[in-house]
């Protein structure tokens, strides 16, 4: 994945993650890595305990651009809502713009994220580590 897409991936992760209710079989809480291996996110319970927060916690050396580093150790998610059993929708502010996305928890160790920033839309796959 090109370096410029790391920022978009970060924004899309931020827009798409949310908590599964306590009765759900699977939750997106945990540590996730892009399939390309260039970034990792820590997803935890936050707020009133019914939300998830996602923090960019690691960047591979070749993804450590000045722009990407500005998001490192920062929370990139606040408030996506559950849409279906294993699907969440939300938005986040990214570089002054609203980015919308959808996260689908494929299984306990795989999620896909679809998101758009302006006319640029992408699909990403992350794995639990």
C-alpha atoms as a PDB file:
ATOM      1  CA  UNK A   1       0.000   0.000   0.000  1.00  0.00           C
ATOM      2  CA  UNK A   2       1.533   3.382  -0.944  1.00  0.00           C
ATOM      3  CA  UNK A   3       2.468   5.699   1.931  1.00  0.00           C
ATOM      4  CA  UNK A   4      -0.215   8.220   1.005  1.00  0.00           C
ATOM      5  CA  UNK A   5      -2.839   5.548   1.557  1.00  0.00           C
ATOM      6  CA  UNK A   6      -1.636   4.973   5.146  1.00  0.00           C
ATOM      7  CA  UNK A   7      -3.238   8.278   6.098  1.00  0.00           C
ATOM      8  CA  UNK A   8      -6.452   7.354   4.337  1.00  0.00           C
ATOM      9  CA  UNK A   9      -6.374   3.913   6.001  1.00  0.00           C
ATOM     10  CA  UNK A  10      -5.925   5.623   9.372  1.00  0.00           C
ATOM     11  CA  UNK A  11      -8.890   7.885   8.709  1.00  0.00           C
ATOM     12  CA  UNK A  12     -11.051   5.021   7.489  1.00  0.00           C
ATOM     13  CA  UNK A  13     -10.222   2.927  10.535  1.00  0.00           C
ATOM     14  CA  UNK A  14     -11.151   5.918  12.629  1.00  0.00           C
ATOM     15  CA  UNK A  15     -14.490   6.269  10.909  1.00  0.00           C
ATOM     16  CA  UNK A  16     -15.509   2.661  10.921  1.00  0.00           C
ATOM     17  CA  UNK A  17     -14.711   1.084  14.290  1.00  0.00           C
ATOM     18  CA  UNK A  18     -17.319   0.820  17.053  1.00  0.00           C
ATOM     19  CA  UNK A  19     -18.180  -1.445  19.978  1.00  0.00           C
ATOM     20  CA  UNK A  20     -20.251  -4.590  19.688  1.00  0.00           C
ATOM     21  CA  UNK A  21     -22.793  -4.905  22.498  1.00  0.00           C
ATOM     22  CA  UNK A  22     -21.810  -7.166  25.389  1.00  0.00           C
ATOM     23  CA  UNK A  23     -24.043  -9.983  24.112  1.00  0.00           C
ATOM     24  CA  UNK A  24     -22.396 -10.130  20.679  1.00  0.00           C
ATOM     25  CA  UNK A  25     -20.180 -13.119  19.899  1.00  0.00           C
ATOM     26  CA  UNK A  26     -17.384 -11.032  18.377  1.00  0.00           C
ATOM     27  CA  UNK A  27     -15.930  -7.634  19.151  1.00  0.00           C
ATOM     28  CA  UNK A  28     -13.461  -5.525  17.174  1.00  0.00           C
ATOM     29  CA  UNK A  29     -11.594  -4.662  20.425  1.00  0.00           C
ATOM     30  CA  UNK A  30      -7.900  -5.604  20.215  1.00  0.00           C
ATOM     31  CA  UNK A  31      -4.790  -4.892  18.156  1.00  0.00           C
ATOM     32  CA  UNK A  32      -5.144  -4.810  14.359  1.00  0.00           C
ATOM     33  CA  UNK A  33      -2.604  -4.543  11.555  1.00  0.00           C
ATOM     34  CA  UNK A  34      -3.064  -3.619   7.916  1.00  0.00           C
ATOM     35  CA  UNK A  35      -2.432  -6.617   5.639  1.00  0.00           C
ATOM     36  CA  UNK A  36       0.544  -4.735   4.160  1.00  0.00           C
ATOM     37  CA  UNK A  37       2.002  -4.577   7.679  1.00  0.00           C
ATOM     38  CA  UNK A  38       2.720  -0.851   7.618  1.00  0.00           C
ATOM     39  CA  UNK A  39       0.467   0.271  10.493  1.00  0.00           C
ATOM     40  CA  UNK A  40      -1.140  -1.072  13.681  1.00  0.00           C
ATOM     41  CA  UNK A  41      -4.115   0.147  15.683  1.00  0.00           C
ATOM     42  CA  UNK A  42      -5.113  -0.538  19.302  1.00  0.00           C
ATOM     43  CA  UNK A  43      -8.895  -0.661  19.678  1.00  0.00           C
ATOM     44  CA  UNK A  44     -10.226  -0.320  23.244  1.00  0.00           C
ATOM     45  CA  UNK A  45     -13.422   0.433  25.147  1.00  0.00           C
ATOM     46  CA  UNK A  46     -13.750   4.136  25.904  1.00  0.00           C
ATOM     47  CA  UNK A  47     -16.211   6.890  26.740  1.00  0.00           C
ATOM     48  CA  UNK A  48     -19.148   5.487  28.684  1.00  0.00           C
ATOM     49  CA  UNK A  49     -18.009   1.919  27.923  1.00  0.00           C
ATOM     50  CA  UNK A  50     -20.305   1.502  24.920  1.00  0.00           C
ATOM     51  CA  UNK A  51     -17.853   2.995  22.435  1.00  0.00           C
ATOM     52  CA  UNK A  52     -14.511   1.926  21.044  1.00  0.00           C
ATOM     53  CA  UNK A  53     -11.491   4.136  20.572  1.00  0.00           C
ATOM     54  CA  UNK A  54      -8.814   3.335  18.009  1.00  0.00           C
ATOM     55  CA  UNK A  55      -5.272   4.570  18.471  1.00  0.00           C
ATOM     56  CA  UNK A  56      -2.547   4.404  15.815  1.00  0.00           C
ATOM     57  CA  UNK A  57       0.221   2.724  17.830  1.00  0.00           C
ATOM     58  CA  UNK A  58       2.870   1.677  15.309  1.00  0.00           C
ATOM     59  CA  UNK A  59       4.207   2.521  11.848  1.00  0.00           C
ATOM     60  CA  UNK A  60       6.699   0.499   9.834  1.00  0.00           C
ATOM     61  CA  UNK A  61       9.887   2.451   9.019  1.00  0.00           C
ATOM     62  CA  UNK A  62       8.936   3.131   5.384  1.00  0.00           C
ATOM     63  CA  UNK A  63       5.547   4.537   6.507  1.00  0.00           C
ATOM     64  CA  UNK A  64       7.072   6.998   8.991  1.00  0.00           C
ATOM     65  CA  UNK A  65       6.458  10.151   6.981  1.00  0.00           C
ATOM     66  CA  UNK A  66       6.023  13.478   8.772  1.00  0.00           C
ATOM     67  CA  UNK A  67       2.306  13.404   7.998  1.00  0.00           C
ATOM     68  CA  UNK A  68       1.811   9.810   9.231  1.00  0.00           C
ATOM     69  CA  UNK A  69       3.886  10.468  12.359  1.00  0.00           C
ATOM     70  CA  UNK A  70       1.523  13.301  13.304  1.00  0.00           C
ATOM     71  CA  UNK A  71      -1.152  10.603  13.935  1.00  0.00           C
ATOM     72  CA  UNK A  72       1.114   8.156  15.806  1.00  0.00           C
ATOM     73  CA  UNK A  73      -0.005   7.560  19.420  1.00  0.00           C
ATOM     74  CA  UNK A  74      -3.181   9.515  18.693  1.00  0.00           C
ATOM     75  CA  UNK A  75      -6.776   8.359  18.850  1.00  0.00           C
ATOM     76  CA  UNK A  76      -8.186   8.276  15.344  1.00  0.00           C
ATOM     77  CA  UNK A  77     -11.696   7.049  16.242  1.00  0.00           C
ATOM     78  CA  UNK A  78     -14.604   8.380  18.214  1.00  0.00           C
ATOM     79  CA  UNK A  79     -18.189   7.166  17.862  1.00  0.00           C
ATOM     80  CA  UNK A  80     -19.031   4.852  14.946  1.00  0.00           C
ATOM     81  CA  UNK A  81     -22.379   3.110  15.423  1.00  0.00           C
ATOM     82  CA  UNK A  82     -23.386  -0.505  14.895  1.00  0.00           C
ATOM     83  CA  UNK A  83     -25.423  -0.935  11.696  1.00  0.00           C
ATOM     84  CA  UNK A  84     -25.811  -4.741  11.496  1.00  0.00           C
ATOM     85  CA  UNK A  85     -24.623  -7.842  13.390  1.00  0.00           C
ATOM     86  CA  UNK A  86     -20.966  -7.440  12.344  1.00  0.00           C
ATOM     87  CA  UNK A  87     -21.027  -4.058  10.590  1.00  0.00           C
ATOM     88  CA  UNK A  88     -20.453  -0.526  11.863  1.00  0.00           C
ATOM     89  CA  UNK A  89     -20.752   2.858  10.154  1.00  0.00           C
ATOM     90  CA  UNK A  90     -19.340   6.180  11.143  1.00  0.00           C
ATOM     91  CA  UNK A  91     -17.378   9.258  10.283  1.00  0.00           C
ATOM     92  CA  UNK A  92     -14.366  11.121  11.603  1.00  0.00           C
ATOM     93  CA  UNK A  93     -12.665  14.399  10.946  1.00  0.00           C
ATOM     94  CA  UNK A  94      -9.522  13.920   8.875  1.00  0.00           C
ATOM     95  CA  UNK A  95      -7.402  16.894   7.825  1.00  0.00           C
ATOM     96  CA  UNK A  96     -10.429  19.175   8.212  1.00  0.00           C
ATOM     97  CA  UNK A  97     -12.778  16.944   6.200  1.00  0.00           C
ATOM     98  CA  UNK A  98     -15.381  14.373   7.204  1.00  0.00           C
ATOM     99  CA  UNK A  99     -14.477  10.839   6.130  1.00  0.00           C
ATOM    100  CA  UNK A 100     -17.239   8.210   6.060  1.00  0.00           C
ATOM    101  CA  UNK A 101     -16.686   4.488   6.241  1.00  0.00           C
ATOM    102  CA  UNK A 102     -18.011   1.020   6.945  1.00  0.00           C
ATOM    103  CA  UNK A 103     -16.256  -1.697   8.928  1.00  0.00           C
ATOM    104  CA  UNK A 104     -17.248  -5.342   8.561  1.00  0.00           C
ATOM    105  CA  UNK A 105     -15.967  -7.896  11.053  1.00  0.00           C
ATOM    106  CA  UNK A 106     -15.532 -10.890   8.724  1.00  0.00           C
ATOM    107  CA  UNK A 107     -14.515 -13.224  11.553  1.00  0.00           C
ATOM    108  CA  UNK A 108     -12.759 -12.900  14.905  1.00  0.00           C
ATOM    109  CA  UNK A 109      -9.409 -12.155  13.249  1.00  0.00           C
ATOM    110  CA  UNK A 110     -10.299 -10.312  10.021  1.00  0.00           C
ATOM    111  CA  UNK A 111     -12.047  -7.038   9.274  1.00  0.00           C
ATOM    112  CA  UNK A 112     -12.605  -5.134   6.055  1.00  0.00           C
ATOM    113  CA  UNK A 113     -12.954  -1.388   5.891  1.00  0.00           C
ATOM    114  CA  UNK A 114     -14.514   0.552   3.026  1.00  0.00           C
ATOM    115  CA  UNK A 115     -14.224   4.304   3.071  1.00  0.00           C
ATOM    116  CA  UNK A 116     -14.136   7.447   1.014  1.00  0.00           C
ATOM    117  CA  UNK A 117     -12.388  10.796   1.275  1.00  0.00           C
ATOM    118  CA  UNK A 118     -13.766  12.994  -1.465  1.00  0.00           C
ATOM    119  CA  UNK A 119     -13.779  11.009  -4.710  1.00  0.00           C
ATOM    120  CA  UNK A 120     -11.090   8.585  -3.492  1.00  0.00           C
ATOM    121  CA  UNK A 121     -12.612   5.354  -2.150  1.00  0.00           C
ATOM    122  CA  UNK A 122     -10.670   2.357  -0.898  1.00  0.00           C
ATOM    123  CA  UNK A 123     -11.136  -1.034   0.699  1.00  0.00           C
ATOM    124  CA  UNK A 124      -8.645  -2.278   3.303  1.00  0.00           C
ATOM    125  CA  UNK A 125      -8.227  -5.554   5.137  1.00  0.00           C
ATOM    126  CA  UNK A 126      -6.826  -5.759   8.661  1.00  0.00           C
ATOM    127  CA  UNK A 127      -5.892  -8.780  10.737  1.00  0.00           C
ATOM    128  CA  UNK A 128      -5.932  -9.159  14.501  1.00  0.00           C
ATOM    129  CA  UNK A 129      -2.468  -9.563  16.005  1.00  0.00           C
END
